[in-house]
Each structure stands twice: as C-alpha cells, then as structure tokens.
Amino acid sequence: MAAADGFRLSVRNTELPETTPEPVSVIIPARALQELARVSAEEDSPIRMTIAPNRSQVFFRMTDIDLVSQLVEGAFPDYKQIIPKSHSTHTVVGVSEFLQAAKIASFFARDAANIIRLRIAPAEQEGGGRLTVMATSAEVGDNVSEIDAAVEGEPIEIAFNAKYLIDVLTVISTPQVVLETSSPSSPGVIKPVGDENFVHVIMPMHIAT
C-alpha cells in the first residue's frame, strides 16, 4: 500500500494469507480506507477484499458489515523512484523521545510556517551522537530539545513540517526509528527499527540562511 500527497509518501508491505492469480494494482480513495479502519476497529476475523472484474469497485467483507467503494481511474505514480536510494547520515533515535520533542517544538513553530529544525551531530566516539530539535516563535521564544542518538555519517541541519513529522512518529510502534538524510534540500526517510515493511519519506522545508 502506498499513499502520497506531494509532501510525503508512506509505503506499507504485508503478506497475504494466500496467493493471488495475477498481480493487481488499483487506487482506493483514502476516505474509503479511513471508513474501513473505523468500522473494522473491533473486527477479529480477517477482512476479505474483492476487486470487481472491470476494476471499477472494491468490496470489503467483514463479519457483519460490507463496504463498497469506487476505485480511482488512472495509474498511480511510480513511488519507488521517490524513495532515496542512498544517504549520507544515518540516525537512530527513540520514538517516544523524538515524538515528545517534536510535539513541544510544534507549539513554538506555529508562527513560523510550522517549521522545526533538526540538527544531527555524530559524537567523537563511535556509536554516539545528538539529535537537537529546534523551533522559534516571535512571541513565545525559542525551544531546543536534545536527544541522545546513534549517528553515523556527516553532521546535518534539516527542517521539516512539524505536523508531518508528528503524524509519522505517532503511527510507528517500534521503540526506535531510523532517520536517513542526505542534504538540507533532499527528502528524509523514516523507517521503524526492526520493521522492514514500512518506509516514510518527507520533503524538507526551506529555511533561510
């Protein structure tokens, strides 16, 4: 499953309990999947998904509920080309600490286009480093949070939209997350540590120098 809005991309892979006769690629409206998540919150049995032969509709069958949605015509962009193939800085940090720092910084970033800056610095000793989360408010002042991190590669300062960062950290269930970066103007890649089935790409924000 892949979804993008021009500023971020999420890709989730999962195994099916049985094989399909042939590969199928369809575009399902996000609103339909949000409704499916809502009505299936207490569903214990697997959800059966069926694509109409003419590829115009998708059917979701649950124990007591059937949900039908129209499919979006056209071809989804080749999202694999959006995911960076390399990086110059690899940062591993605790999800809860990163999320808390981002939430606090978002309060200060409201008056500054919701921009929060990340300063990533490797330690002199191998395996250490610091992630500094920063935001500035003309009325409230500055906010700086420092987090211990395992940093490999070059130091970097990069800015992201606070909401986009909080959104992805909120849905990651692993204790640690990886942030891969290349330059202040290149996308950041976020991956849960120990879970190779999810990858999230966020476009950076421009910060004046």
N, C-alpha and C. Protein backbone atom coordinates (compact mmCIF):
# COMPACT_ATOMS: atom_id res chain seq x y z
N MET A 1 0.85 -1.18 0.00
CA MET A 1 0.00 0.00 0.00
C MET A 1 0.88 1.24 0.00
N ALA A 2 0.59 2.18 -0.90
CA ALA A 2 1.36 3.40 -0.99
C ALA A 2 0.41 4.59 -1.06
N ALA A 3 0.78 5.67 -0.38
CA ALA A 3 -0.02 6.90 -0.40
C ALA A 3 0.91 8.10 -0.40
N ALA A 4 0.55 9.14 -1.15
CA ALA A 4 1.38 10.33 -1.24
C ALA A 4 0.49 11.56 -1.39
N ASP A 5 0.98 12.71 -0.91
CA ASP A 5 0.22 13.95 -1.06
C ASP A 5 1.06 15.10 -1.61
N GLY A 6 2.21 14.78 -2.16
CA GLY A 6 3.07 15.82 -2.71
C GLY A 6 4.14 16.29 -1.75
N PHE A 7 3.94 16.04 -0.45
CA PHE A 7 4.92 16.45 0.56
C PHE A 7 5.50 15.25 1.30
N ARG A 8 4.80 14.12 1.25
CA ARG A 8 5.25 12.93 1.98
C ARG A 8 4.71 11.68 1.29
N LEU A 9 5.35 10.59 1.56
CA LEU A 9 5.00 9.31 0.96
C LEU A 9 5.11 8.23 2.02
N SER A 10 4.10 7.38 2.10
CA SER A 10 4.13 6.23 3.01
C SER A 10 3.95 4.95 2.20
N VAL A 11 4.76 3.94 2.51
CA VAL A 11 4.64 2.64 1.85
C VAL A 11 4.62 1.56 2.91
N ARG A 12 3.62 0.71 2.87
CA ARG A 12 3.49 -0.40 3.82
C ARG A 12 3.32 -1.70 3.04
N ASN A 13 4.13 -2.69 3.36
CA ASN A 13 4.03 -4.02 2.75
C ASN A 13 3.51 -5.01 3.77
N THR A 14 2.72 -5.96 3.33
CA THR A 14 2.25 -7.02 4.21
C THR A 14 2.04 -8.29 3.41
N GLU A 15 2.14 -9.42 4.06
CA GLU A 15 1.95 -10.70 3.38
C GLU A 15 0.48 -11.09 3.38
N LEU A 16 0.03 -11.66 2.27
CA LEU A 16 -1.34 -12.16 2.18
C LEU A 16 -1.38 -13.63 2.61
N PRO A 17 -2.51 -14.07 3.19
CA PRO A 17 -2.60 -15.46 3.65
C PRO A 17 -2.64 -16.46 2.50
N GLU A 18 -2.95 -15.97 1.29
CA GLU A 18 -2.98 -16.87 0.14
C GLU A 18 -2.55 -16.09 -1.11
N THR A 19 -2.10 -16.80 -2.11
CA THR A 19 -1.62 -16.14 -3.32
C THR A 19 -2.78 -15.64 -4.17
N THR A 20 -2.48 -14.68 -5.04
CA THR A 20 -3.48 -14.17 -5.98
C THR A 20 -3.19 -14.72 -7.36
N PRO A 21 -4.22 -14.90 -8.20
CA PRO A 21 -4.00 -15.46 -9.54
C PRO A 21 -3.06 -14.62 -10.38
N GLU A 22 -3.12 -13.30 -10.24
CA GLU A 22 -2.27 -12.41 -11.02
C GLU A 22 -2.08 -11.11 -10.26
N PRO A 23 -1.01 -10.37 -10.55
CA PRO A 23 -0.79 -9.09 -9.87
C PRO A 23 -1.91 -8.10 -10.19
N VAL A 24 -2.32 -7.34 -9.18
CA VAL A 24 -3.39 -6.36 -9.34
C VAL A 24 -2.93 -5.05 -8.71
N SER A 25 -3.14 -3.95 -9.42
CA SER A 25 -2.81 -2.63 -8.90
C SER A 25 -4.01 -1.72 -9.08
N VAL A 26 -4.52 -1.19 -7.98
CA VAL A 26 -5.68 -0.30 -8.03
C VAL A 26 -5.45 0.88 -7.10
N ILE A 27 -6.23 1.94 -7.31
CA ILE A 27 -6.16 3.13 -6.45
C ILE A 27 -7.47 3.24 -5.69
N ILE A 28 -7.38 3.14 -4.37
CA ILE A 28 -8.55 3.22 -3.50
C ILE A 28 -8.58 4.59 -2.83
N PRO A 29 -9.71 5.29 -2.83
CA PRO A 29 -9.78 6.60 -2.16
C PRO A 29 -9.41 6.50 -0.69
N ALA A 30 -8.62 7.44 -0.21
CA ALA A 30 -8.19 7.42 1.18
C ALA A 30 -9.39 7.45 2.13
N ARG A 31 -10.43 8.20 1.75
CA ARG A 31 -11.60 8.30 2.63
C ARG A 31 -12.26 6.94 2.83
N ALA A 32 -12.25 6.10 1.80
CA ALA A 32 -12.84 4.76 1.92
C ALA A 32 -12.05 3.91 2.90
N LEU A 33 -10.72 4.01 2.86
CA LEU A 33 -9.90 3.23 3.78
C LEU A 33 -10.00 3.76 5.21
N GLN A 34 -10.19 5.06 5.35
CA GLN A 34 -10.41 5.62 6.68
C GLN A 34 -11.73 5.10 7.27
N GLU A 35 -12.74 5.00 6.43
CA GLU A 35 -14.02 4.47 6.89
C GLU A 35 -13.89 2.98 7.21
N LEU A 36 -13.12 2.26 6.41
CA LEU A 36 -12.89 0.84 6.68
C LEU A 36 -12.19 0.66 8.03
N ALA A 37 -11.20 1.49 8.30
CA ALA A 37 -10.50 1.40 9.59
C ALA A 37 -11.45 1.67 10.75
N ARG A 38 -12.37 2.61 10.54
CA ARG A 38 -13.32 2.96 11.61
C ARG A 38 -14.29 1.81 11.90
N VAL A 39 -14.90 1.25 10.86
CA VAL A 39 -15.93 0.23 11.07
C VAL A 39 -15.34 -1.13 11.40
N SER A 40 -14.05 -1.32 11.14
CA SER A 40 -13.43 -2.62 11.42
C SER A 40 -12.59 -2.61 12.69
N ALA A 41 -12.72 -1.56 13.48
CA ALA A 41 -11.87 -1.43 14.67
C ALA A 41 -12.02 -2.62 15.62
N GLU A 42 -13.21 -3.19 15.71
CA GLU A 42 -13.45 -4.30 16.63
C GLU A 42 -13.58 -5.63 15.89
N GLU A 43 -13.19 -5.67 14.65
CA GLU A 43 -13.29 -6.89 13.85
C GLU A 43 -12.15 -7.84 14.21
N ASP A 44 -12.49 -9.07 14.56
CA ASP A 44 -11.49 -10.07 14.91
C ASP A 44 -11.10 -10.94 13.71
N SER A 45 -12.05 -11.16 12.82
CA SER A 45 -11.79 -12.02 11.66
C SER A 45 -11.09 -11.24 10.56
N PRO A 46 -10.37 -11.93 9.68
CA PRO A 46 -9.72 -11.24 8.54
C PRO A 46 -10.75 -10.57 7.65
N ILE A 47 -10.36 -9.44 7.07
CA ILE A 47 -11.23 -8.72 6.15
C ILE A 47 -10.97 -9.23 4.74
N ARG A 48 -12.02 -9.56 4.02
CA ARG A 48 -11.87 -10.07 2.65
C ARG A 48 -12.06 -8.91 1.67
N MET A 49 -11.08 -8.70 0.81
CA MET A 49 -11.14 -7.63 -0.18
C MET A 49 -11.28 -8.24 -1.57
N THR A 50 -12.26 -7.74 -2.32
CA THR A 50 -12.51 -8.24 -3.67
C THR A 50 -12.53 -7.07 -4.64
N ILE A 51 -11.79 -7.19 -5.74
CA ILE A 51 -11.77 -6.18 -6.78
C ILE A 51 -12.74 -6.61 -7.88
N ALA A 52 -13.61 -5.70 -8.31
CA ALA A 52 -14.54 -6.01 -9.39
C ALA A 52 -13.79 -6.34 -10.67
N PRO A 53 -14.31 -7.26 -11.49
CA PRO A 53 -13.62 -7.66 -12.73
C PRO A 53 -13.29 -6.48 -13.64
N ASN A 54 -14.14 -5.46 -13.65
CA ASN A 54 -13.88 -4.31 -14.52
C ASN A 54 -13.02 -3.24 -13.84
N ARG A 55 -12.52 -3.55 -12.64
CA ARG A 55 -11.65 -2.65 -11.88
C ARG A 55 -12.31 -1.30 -11.58
N SER A 56 -13.61 -1.32 -11.36
CA SER A 56 -14.31 -0.06 -11.06
C SER A 56 -14.67 0.07 -9.58
N GLN A 57 -14.73 -1.05 -8.85
CA GLN A 57 -15.13 -1.03 -7.45
C GLN A 57 -14.28 -2.01 -6.64
N VAL A 58 -14.23 -1.75 -5.33
CA VAL A 58 -13.60 -2.67 -4.40
C VAL A 58 -14.61 -2.98 -3.30
N PHE A 59 -14.64 -4.23 -2.88
CA PHE A 59 -15.59 -4.69 -1.86
C PHE A 59 -14.82 -5.21 -0.65
N PHE A 60 -15.20 -4.75 0.53
CA PHE A 60 -14.60 -5.22 1.77
C PHE A 60 -15.69 -5.94 2.56
N ARG A 61 -15.45 -7.21 2.87
CA ARG A 61 -16.43 -8.01 3.60
C ARG A 61 -15.92 -8.32 4.99
N MET A 62 -16.72 -7.95 6.00
CA MET A 62 -16.42 -8.25 7.39
C MET A 62 -17.52 -9.15 7.94
N THR A 63 -17.47 -9.45 9.22
CA THR A 63 -18.45 -10.38 9.80
C THR A 63 -19.87 -9.86 9.64
N ASP A 64 -20.10 -8.60 9.98
CA ASP A 64 -21.45 -8.04 9.94
C ASP A 64 -21.57 -6.82 9.03
N ILE A 65 -20.51 -6.47 8.35
CA ILE A 65 -20.52 -5.25 7.54
C ILE A 65 -19.89 -5.51 6.18
N ASP A 66 -20.53 -4.96 5.14
CA ASP A 66 -19.95 -4.94 3.80
C ASP A 66 -19.73 -3.49 3.41
N LEU A 67 -18.55 -3.18 2.91
CA LEU A 67 -18.23 -1.82 2.49
C LEU A 67 -17.82 -1.85 1.03
N VAL A 68 -18.42 -0.95 0.25
CA VAL A 68 -18.15 -0.87 -1.18
C VAL A 68 -17.63 0.53 -1.49
N SER A 69 -16.61 0.60 -2.34
CA SER A 69 -16.06 1.90 -2.73
C SER A 69 -15.73 1.89 -4.21
N GLN A 70 -15.91 3.03 -4.85
CA GLN A 70 -15.46 3.21 -6.22
C GLN A 70 -13.94 3.29 -6.23
N LEU A 71 -13.32 2.83 -7.28
CA LEU A 71 -11.88 2.94 -7.45
C LEU A 71 -11.56 4.16 -8.29
N VAL A 72 -10.37 4.71 -8.07
CA VAL A 72 -9.93 5.88 -8.82
C VAL A 72 -9.29 5.42 -10.12
N GLU A 73 -9.72 5.99 -11.23
CA GLU A 73 -9.16 5.63 -12.52
C GLU A 73 -7.76 6.20 -12.68
N GLY A 74 -6.98 5.56 -13.53
CA GLY A 74 -5.64 6.04 -13.80
C GLY A 74 -4.58 5.16 -13.18
N ALA A 75 -3.35 5.59 -13.33
CA ALA A 75 -2.20 4.85 -12.80
C ALA A 75 -1.55 5.65 -11.70
N PHE A 76 -1.20 4.98 -10.62
CA PHE A 76 -0.52 5.64 -9.50
C PHE A 76 0.92 5.93 -9.91
N PRO A 77 1.47 7.08 -9.52
CA PRO A 77 2.87 7.39 -9.88
C PRO A 77 3.83 6.32 -9.37
N ASP A 78 4.96 6.21 -10.05
CA ASP A 78 5.97 5.24 -9.65
C ASP A 78 6.65 5.74 -8.37
N TYR A 79 6.08 5.37 -7.23
CA TYR A 79 6.55 5.88 -5.95
C TYR A 79 7.96 5.38 -5.61
N LYS A 80 8.37 4.28 -6.18
CA LYS A 80 9.70 3.74 -5.86
C LYS A 80 10.81 4.70 -6.28
N GLN A 81 10.53 5.52 -7.30
CA GLN A 81 11.53 6.49 -7.74
C GLN A 81 11.67 7.65 -6.75
N ILE A 82 10.65 7.85 -5.90
CA ILE A 82 10.68 8.94 -4.93
C ILE A 82 11.54 8.60 -3.73
N ILE A 83 11.64 7.32 -3.40
CA ILE A 83 12.39 6.89 -2.22
C ILE A 83 13.88 6.98 -2.50
N PRO A 84 14.62 7.79 -1.74
CA PRO A 84 16.07 7.91 -1.96
C PRO A 84 16.77 6.56 -1.84
N LYS A 85 17.74 6.34 -2.71
CA LYS A 85 18.47 5.07 -2.71
C LYS A 85 19.71 5.12 -1.82
N SER A 86 20.13 6.33 -1.41
CA SER A 86 21.34 6.44 -0.61
C SER A 86 21.16 7.57 0.41
N HIS A 87 22.09 7.66 1.33
CA HIS A 87 22.04 8.71 2.36
C HIS A 87 23.47 8.98 2.84
N SER A 88 23.66 10.14 3.45
CA SER A 88 24.97 10.48 3.99
C SER A 88 24.98 10.46 5.51
N THR A 89 23.77 10.47 6.12
CA THR A 89 23.67 10.44 7.59
C THR A 89 22.59 9.45 8.00
N HIS A 90 22.93 8.59 8.93
CA HIS A 90 22.02 7.55 9.44
C HIS A 90 21.86 7.77 10.93
N THR A 91 20.63 8.08 11.36
CA THR A 91 20.37 8.42 12.76
C THR A 91 19.34 7.48 13.36
N VAL A 92 19.67 6.88 14.49
CA VAL A 92 18.73 6.02 15.22
C VAL A 92 18.40 6.71 16.53
N VAL A 93 17.09 6.87 16.78
CA VAL A 93 16.66 7.60 17.97
C VAL A 93 15.39 6.96 18.53
N GLY A 94 15.14 7.15 19.82
CA GLY A 94 13.93 6.62 20.43
C GLY A 94 12.69 7.33 19.93
N VAL A 95 11.66 6.57 19.61
CA VAL A 95 10.43 7.15 19.05
C VAL A 95 9.74 8.07 20.05
N SER A 96 9.59 7.63 21.29
CA SER A 96 8.86 8.42 22.27
C SER A 96 9.56 9.75 22.55
N GLU A 97 10.90 9.72 22.66
CA GLU A 97 11.64 10.96 22.91
C GLU A 97 11.55 11.91 21.71
N PHE A 98 11.67 11.35 20.52
CA PHE A 98 11.59 12.15 19.30
C PHE A 98 10.19 12.76 19.15
N LEU A 99 9.17 11.95 19.40
CA LEU A 99 7.79 12.43 19.28
C LEU A 99 7.49 13.53 20.29
N GLN A 100 7.92 13.35 21.53
CA GLN A 100 7.69 14.36 22.55
C GLN A 100 8.39 15.68 22.20
N ALA A 101 9.62 15.59 21.72
CA ALA A 101 10.36 16.79 21.33
C ALA A 101 9.69 17.49 20.16
N ALA A 102 9.19 16.71 19.20
CA ALA A 102 8.52 17.30 18.04
C ALA A 102 7.21 17.98 18.44
N LYS A 103 6.48 17.38 19.36
CA LYS A 103 5.22 17.98 19.82
C LYS A 103 5.47 19.31 20.54
N ILE A 104 6.48 19.34 21.38
CA ILE A 104 6.80 20.58 22.09
C ILE A 104 7.25 21.64 21.10
N ALA A 105 8.09 21.25 20.15
CA ALA A 105 8.59 22.21 19.16
C ALA A 105 7.46 22.73 18.28
N SER A 106 6.45 21.90 18.02
CA SER A 106 5.35 22.34 17.15
C SER A 106 4.59 23.51 17.75
N PHE A 107 4.55 23.59 19.06
CA PHE A 107 3.88 24.72 19.73
C PHE A 107 4.61 26.03 19.41
N PHE A 108 5.93 25.98 19.39
CA PHE A 108 6.72 27.17 19.09
C PHE A 108 6.75 27.47 17.59
N ALA A 109 6.50 26.43 16.77
CA ALA A 109 6.62 26.60 15.31
C ALA A 109 5.34 27.11 14.66
N ARG A 110 4.29 27.29 15.41
CA ARG A 110 3.01 27.69 14.82
C ARG A 110 3.10 29.01 14.08
N ASP A 111 3.90 29.94 14.58
CA ASP A 111 4.00 31.26 13.95
C ASP A 111 5.12 31.33 12.91
N ALA A 112 5.77 30.20 12.65
CA ALA A 112 6.88 30.19 11.71
C ALA A 112 6.67 29.10 10.66
N ALA A 113 5.49 29.09 10.05
CA ALA A 113 5.15 28.14 8.98
C ALA A 113 5.25 26.69 9.44
N ASN A 114 5.14 26.48 10.74
CA ASN A 114 5.16 25.13 11.32
C ASN A 114 6.49 24.41 11.06
N ILE A 115 7.56 25.17 10.95
CA ILE A 115 8.87 24.60 10.66
C ILE A 115 9.61 24.27 11.95
N ILE A 116 10.10 23.04 12.04
CA ILE A 116 11.01 22.68 13.12
C ILE A 116 12.31 22.20 12.48
N ARG A 117 13.41 22.57 13.10
CA ARG A 117 14.73 22.24 12.57
C ARG A 117 15.36 21.10 13.37
N LEU A 118 16.02 20.23 12.67
CA LEU A 118 16.73 19.12 13.29
C LEU A 118 18.22 19.30 13.03
N ARG A 119 18.99 19.31 14.09
CA ARG A 119 20.45 19.35 13.97
C ARG A 119 20.99 18.01 14.42
N ILE A 120 21.62 17.31 13.50
CA ILE A 120 22.12 15.97 13.77
C ILE A 120 23.64 16.00 13.78
N ALA A 121 24.22 15.52 14.86
CA ALA A 121 25.67 15.57 15.00
C ALA A 121 26.18 14.24 15.54
N PRO A 122 27.13 13.63 14.83
CA PRO A 122 27.73 12.41 15.36
C PRO A 122 28.68 12.74 16.50
N ALA A 123 28.84 11.81 17.42
CA ALA A 123 29.77 12.01 18.53
C ALA A 123 31.19 11.68 18.08
N GLU A 124 32.13 12.12 18.87
CA GLU A 124 33.52 11.82 18.55
C GLU A 124 33.80 10.33 18.69
N GLN A 125 33.09 9.71 19.63
CA GLN A 125 33.25 8.28 19.81
C GLN A 125 32.22 7.55 18.95
N GLU A 126 32.61 6.42 18.41
CA GLU A 126 31.75 5.67 17.51
C GLU A 126 30.47 5.21 18.22
N GLY A 127 29.33 5.35 17.52
CA GLY A 127 28.05 4.88 18.03
C GLY A 127 27.27 5.92 18.80
N GLY A 128 27.81 7.10 19.05
CA GLY A 128 27.09 8.13 19.79
C GLY A 128 26.66 9.26 18.89
N GLY A 129 26.00 10.22 19.49
CA GLY A 129 25.58 11.38 18.73
C GLY A 129 24.44 12.09 19.42
N ARG A 130 24.02 13.22 18.82
CA ARG A 130 22.93 14.00 19.38
C ARG A 130 21.98 14.43 18.27
N LEU A 131 20.71 14.41 18.58
CA LEU A 131 19.68 14.98 17.72
C LEU A 131 19.07 16.16 18.47
N THR A 132 19.19 17.34 17.90
CA THR A 132 18.65 18.54 18.52
C THR A 132 17.44 19.00 17.72
N VAL A 133 16.31 19.14 18.40
CA VAL A 133 15.05 19.59 17.78
C VAL A 133 14.82 21.03 18.18
N MET A 134 14.68 21.92 17.19
CA MET A 134 14.60 23.35 17.47
C MET A 134 13.41 23.99 16.76
N ALA A 135 12.84 25.01 17.42
CA ALA A 135 11.76 25.80 16.82
C ALA A 135 11.81 27.20 17.41
N THR A 136 11.33 28.17 16.65
CA THR A 136 11.38 29.56 17.07
C THR A 136 10.01 30.21 16.93
N SER A 137 9.62 30.96 17.96
CA SER A 137 8.38 31.72 17.94
C SER A 137 8.69 33.17 18.29
N ALA A 138 8.19 34.09 17.48
CA ALA A 138 8.44 35.51 17.73
C ALA A 138 7.82 35.96 19.04
N GLU A 139 6.71 35.32 19.45
CA GLU A 139 6.02 35.72 20.68
C GLU A 139 6.46 34.93 21.90
N VAL A 140 6.67 33.63 21.72
CA VAL A 140 6.96 32.76 22.86
C VAL A 140 8.46 32.63 23.11
N GLY A 141 9.25 32.61 22.03
CA GLY A 141 10.69 32.44 22.17
C GLY A 141 11.19 31.21 21.45
N ASP A 142 12.33 30.72 21.86
CA ASP A 142 12.94 29.56 21.22
C ASP A 142 12.75 28.30 22.05
N ASN A 143 12.74 27.17 21.35
CA ASN A 143 12.67 25.87 22.02
C ASN A 143 13.77 24.99 21.48
N VAL A 144 14.50 24.36 22.38
CA VAL A 144 15.58 23.45 21.99
C VAL A 144 15.49 22.20 22.85
N SER A 145 15.39 21.04 22.19
CA SER A 145 15.38 19.75 22.89
C SER A 145 16.52 18.90 22.34
N GLU A 146 17.32 18.34 23.22
CA GLU A 146 18.43 17.49 22.81
C GLU A 146 18.14 16.04 23.18
N ILE A 147 18.40 15.14 22.23
CA ILE A 147 18.09 13.73 22.42
C ILE A 147 19.34 12.92 22.08
N ASP A 148 19.64 11.93 22.89
CA ASP A 148 20.73 11.01 22.57
C ASP A 148 20.35 10.20 21.34
N ALA A 149 21.31 10.03 20.43
CA ALA A 149 21.04 9.28 19.21
C ALA A 149 22.31 8.58 18.75
N ALA A 150 22.13 7.51 18.01
CA ALA A 150 23.25 6.83 17.37
C ALA A 150 23.35 7.37 15.95
N VAL A 151 24.38 8.15 15.71
CA VAL A 151 24.53 8.84 14.42
C VAL A 151 25.75 8.33 13.69
N GLU A 152 25.54 7.97 12.43
CA GLU A 152 26.65 7.58 11.55
C GLU A 152 26.64 8.49 10.33
N GLY A 153 27.79 9.04 9.99
CA GLY A 153 27.86 9.89 8.81
C GLY A 153 28.16 11.33 9.13
N GLU A 154 27.74 12.19 8.22
CA GLU A 154 28.05 13.61 8.30
C GLU A 154 27.04 14.37 9.16
N PRO A 155 27.48 15.43 9.86
CA PRO A 155 26.51 16.28 10.57
C PRO A 155 25.63 17.01 9.57
N ILE A 156 24.40 17.30 9.96
CA ILE A 156 23.47 17.94 9.04
C ILE A 156 22.43 18.72 9.84
N GLU A 157 21.93 19.79 9.26
CA GLU A 157 20.78 20.51 9.80
C GLU A 157 19.72 20.54 8.72
N ILE A 158 18.53 20.06 9.04
CA ILE A 158 17.44 19.94 8.08
C ILE A 158 16.14 20.32 8.77
N ALA A 159 15.18 20.84 8.01
CA ALA A 159 13.91 21.30 8.58
C ALA A 159 12.76 20.52 7.98
N PHE A 160 11.75 20.24 8.83
CA PHE A 160 10.56 19.54 8.38
C PHE A 160 9.32 20.25 8.91
N ASN A 161 8.19 19.99 8.26
CA ASN A 161 6.91 20.43 8.79
C ASN A 161 6.61 19.63 10.05
N ALA A 162 6.32 20.31 11.14
CA ALA A 162 6.12 19.64 12.43
C ALA A 162 4.99 18.63 12.37
N LYS A 163 3.90 18.99 11.70
CA LYS A 163 2.75 18.08 11.64
C LYS A 163 3.11 16.78 10.92
N TYR A 164 3.84 16.89 9.82
CA TYR A 164 4.20 15.70 9.07
C TYR A 164 5.09 14.77 9.90
N LEU A 165 6.00 15.36 10.65
CA LEU A 165 6.88 14.57 11.49
C LEU A 165 6.11 13.89 12.61
N ILE A 166 5.20 14.62 13.24
CA ILE A 166 4.39 14.06 14.33
C ILE A 166 3.48 12.96 13.81
N ASP A 167 2.90 13.16 12.63
CA ASP A 167 1.99 12.16 12.06
C ASP A 167 2.65 10.80 11.91
N VAL A 168 3.88 10.79 11.37
CA VAL A 168 4.52 9.50 11.14
C VAL A 168 5.04 8.89 12.44
N LEU A 169 5.57 9.70 13.34
CA LEU A 169 6.06 9.16 14.61
C LEU A 169 4.93 8.58 15.45
N THR A 170 3.74 9.13 15.30
CA THR A 170 2.58 8.65 16.07
C THR A 170 2.18 7.24 15.68
N VAL A 171 2.37 6.86 14.42
CA VAL A 171 1.91 5.54 13.96
C VAL A 171 3.00 4.48 14.00
N ILE A 172 4.20 4.85 14.40
CA ILE A 172 5.28 3.86 14.50
C ILE A 172 5.24 3.20 15.87
N SER A 173 5.20 1.87 15.87
CA SER A 173 5.02 1.13 17.13
C SER A 173 6.33 0.56 17.68
N THR A 174 7.41 0.65 16.93
CA THR A 174 8.68 0.14 17.44
C THR A 174 9.31 1.15 18.40
N PRO A 175 10.18 0.70 19.31
CA PRO A 175 10.80 1.63 20.27
C PRO A 175 11.71 2.65 19.63
N GLN A 176 12.37 2.28 18.52
CA GLN A 176 13.32 3.17 17.87
C GLN A 176 12.97 3.37 16.40
N VAL A 177 13.46 4.48 15.87
CA VAL A 177 13.21 4.81 14.47
C VAL A 177 14.52 5.26 13.83
N VAL A 178 14.64 5.02 12.53
CA VAL A 178 15.80 5.45 11.76
C VAL A 178 15.40 6.66 10.92
N LEU A 179 16.24 7.69 10.92
CA LEU A 179 16.08 8.84 10.04
C LEU A 179 17.31 8.90 9.14
N GLU A 180 17.08 8.76 7.83
CA GLU A 180 18.16 8.83 6.86
C GLU A 180 18.06 10.15 6.10
N THR A 181 19.17 10.89 6.04
CA THR A 181 19.19 12.19 5.38
C THR A 181 20.42 12.29 4.48
N SER A 182 20.32 13.16 3.48
CA SER A 182 21.42 13.35 2.55
C SER A 182 21.88 14.80 2.50
N SER A 183 20.93 15.74 2.46
CA SER A 183 21.25 17.16 2.42
C SER A 183 20.03 17.93 2.91
N PRO A 184 20.19 19.22 3.26
CA PRO A 184 19.05 20.01 3.74
C PRO A 184 17.92 20.15 2.73
N SER A 185 18.21 19.91 1.45
CA SER A 185 17.19 20.04 0.42
C SER A 185 16.70 18.71 -0.13
N SER A 186 17.17 17.61 0.43
CA SER A 186 16.78 16.28 -0.03
C SER A 186 15.78 15.65 0.94
N PRO A 187 14.91 14.77 0.46
CA PRO A 187 13.91 14.15 1.33
C PRO A 187 14.54 13.37 2.47
N GLY A 188 13.85 13.32 3.62
CA GLY A 188 14.25 12.48 4.72
C GLY A 188 13.48 11.18 4.69
N VAL A 189 14.13 10.11 5.05
CA VAL A 189 13.50 8.78 5.04
C VAL A 189 13.41 8.27 6.47
N ILE A 190 12.21 7.86 6.87
CA ILE A 190 11.98 7.36 8.22
C ILE A 190 11.55 5.90 8.15
N LYS A 191 12.23 5.06 8.96
CA LYS A 191 11.93 3.64 8.99
C LYS A 191 11.92 3.15 10.44
N PRO A 192 10.94 2.33 10.82
CA PRO A 192 10.98 1.73 12.16
C PRO A 192 12.14 0.75 12.27
N VAL A 193 12.85 0.78 13.37
CA VAL A 193 13.93 -0.17 13.59
C VAL A 193 13.34 -1.56 13.84
N GLY A 194 13.74 -2.53 13.04
CA GLY A 194 13.23 -3.88 13.20
C GLY A 194 12.01 -4.19 12.38
N ASP A 195 11.53 -3.24 11.59
CA ASP A 195 10.35 -3.45 10.75
C ASP A 195 10.68 -2.97 9.34
N GLU A 196 10.93 -3.92 8.45
CA GLU A 196 11.31 -3.58 7.07
C GLU A 196 10.11 -3.39 6.16
N ASN A 197 8.90 -3.48 6.71
CA ASN A 197 7.70 -3.40 5.89
C ASN A 197 7.10 -2.00 5.80
N PHE A 198 7.75 -1.01 6.41
CA PHE A 198 7.21 0.34 6.38
C PHE A 198 8.33 1.34 6.10
N VAL A 199 8.07 2.28 5.20
CA VAL A 199 9.01 3.36 4.93
C VAL A 199 8.22 4.63 4.67
N HIS A 200 8.73 5.75 5.18
CA HIS A 200 8.04 7.03 5.05
C HIS A 200 9.03 8.07 4.56
N VAL A 201 8.64 8.85 3.58
CA VAL A 201 9.50 9.88 3.00
C VAL A 201 8.86 11.25 3.23
N ILE A 202 9.64 12.19 3.74
CA ILE A 202 9.14 13.55 3.99
C ILE A 202 10.02 14.55 3.24
N MET A 203 9.36 15.46 2.52
CA MET A 203 10.11 16.51 1.86
C MET A 203 10.53 17.55 2.90
N PRO A 204 11.73 18.09 2.78
CA PRO A 204 12.19 19.08 3.75
C PRO A 204 11.58 20.46 3.51
N MET A 205 11.65 21.30 4.50
CA MET A 205 11.19 22.68 4.41
C MET A 205 12.41 23.58 4.15
N HIS A 206 12.18 24.64 3.42
CA HIS A 206 13.26 25.58 3.13
C HIS A 206 13.46 26.51 4.32
N ILE A 207 14.69 26.66 4.74
CA ILE A 207 14.99 27.59 5.82
C ILE A 207 16.00 28.60 5.31
N ALA A 208 15.73 29.87 5.57
CA ALA A 208 16.61 30.93 5.11
C ALA A 208 17.92 30.90 5.89
N THR A 209 18.99 31.14 5.17
CA THR A 209 20.30 31.14 5.81
C THR A 209 20.78 32.57 6.04
